[in-house]
Amino acid sequence: MLTGKRFTVLDSIAVLDGTGGNGWVSLPAGTMIEIVSVPHGDGDLLIELRWEGCLATMFAGELIRCA
């Protein structure tokens, strides 16, 4: 399971801000993220994550590409 695992972002990525509806936020390379939840079904491609105390959502494919 990936829930609770931590990764360092190797390349900048765009994540959907989950704290205040500010849209897409760019996380720079070197940012440490923690996986909060992972997809549970075939059509669910989004992962919830935490970085620096903030919550966000990203596409699962982006985690594979840049972490």
Protein backbone atom coordinates (compact mmCIF):
# COMPACT_ATOMS: atom_id res chain seq x y z
CA MET A 1 0.00 0.00 0.00
CA LEU A 2 1.15 3.51 -0.77
CA THR A 3 -0.91 5.21 1.94
CA GLY A 4 1.46 6.85 4.42
CA LYS A 5 4.50 6.51 2.15
CA ARG A 6 6.68 9.54 1.51
CA PHE A 7 8.30 10.50 -1.75
CA THR A 8 10.56 13.28 -2.93
CA VAL A 9 9.37 14.95 -6.13
CA LEU A 10 12.16 14.63 -8.72
CA ASP A 11 10.57 16.95 -11.29
CA SER A 12 8.11 19.80 -10.74
CA ILE A 13 4.47 18.73 -10.85
CA ALA A 14 1.04 20.37 -10.88
CA VAL A 15 -1.37 19.32 -8.12
CA LEU A 16 -4.93 20.40 -7.41
CA ASP A 17 -5.02 22.46 -4.22
CA GLY A 18 -7.33 20.80 -1.70
CA THR A 19 -7.19 23.46 1.00
CA GLY A 20 -8.95 26.45 -0.45
CA GLY A 21 -9.98 25.90 -4.02
CA ASN A 22 -7.05 27.84 -5.44
CA GLY A 23 -6.86 25.61 -8.49
CA TRP A 24 -3.62 24.05 -9.65
CA VAL A 25 -0.44 24.57 -7.65
CA SER A 26 3.07 23.75 -8.84
CA LEU A 27 5.26 21.71 -6.50
CA PRO A 28 8.95 22.22 -7.27
CA ALA A 29 11.49 19.42 -7.55
CA GLY A 30 12.76 18.37 -4.13
CA THR A 31 9.37 18.72 -2.40
CA MET A 32 8.58 15.92 0.06
CA ILE A 33 5.03 14.54 -0.27
CA GLU A 34 3.10 11.98 1.78
CA ILE A 35 0.37 9.83 0.23
CA VAL A 36 -2.93 10.21 2.11
CA SER A 37 -5.14 7.97 -0.08
CA VAL A 38 -4.82 6.01 -3.32
CA PRO A 39 -7.25 4.92 -6.05
CA HIS A 40 -9.55 2.07 -5.06
CA GLY A 41 -11.33 1.39 -8.34
CA ASP A 42 -10.61 1.02 -12.03
CA GLY A 43 -11.80 4.51 -12.98
CA ASP A 44 -10.29 6.39 -10.02
CA LEU A 45 -6.98 7.91 -11.14
CA LEU A 46 -6.49 10.51 -8.41
CA ILE A 47 -4.22 10.34 -5.36
CA GLU A 48 -4.62 12.57 -2.32
CA LEU A 49 -1.36 13.83 -0.82
CA ARG A 50 0.00 16.12 1.86
CA TRP A 51 2.95 18.45 1.59
CA GLU A 52 4.04 21.05 4.13
CA GLY A 53 0.75 20.57 5.98
CA CYS A 54 -1.40 21.22 2.90
CA LEU A 55 -3.67 18.74 1.15
CA ALA A 56 -3.80 18.29 -2.61
CA THR A 57 -4.86 15.85 -5.31
CA MET A 58 -2.79 14.62 -8.24
CA PHE A 59 -3.08 12.10 -11.04
CA ALA A 60 -1.61 8.69 -10.22
CA GLY A 61 0.43 8.74 -13.42
CA GLU A 62 2.21 11.90 -12.29
CA LEU A 63 3.43 10.16 -9.13
CA ILE A 64 4.95 7.41 -11.25
CA ARG A 65 6.51 9.95 -13.62
CA CYS A 66 8.08 12.33 -11.13
CA ALA A 67 8.66 10.63 -7.78
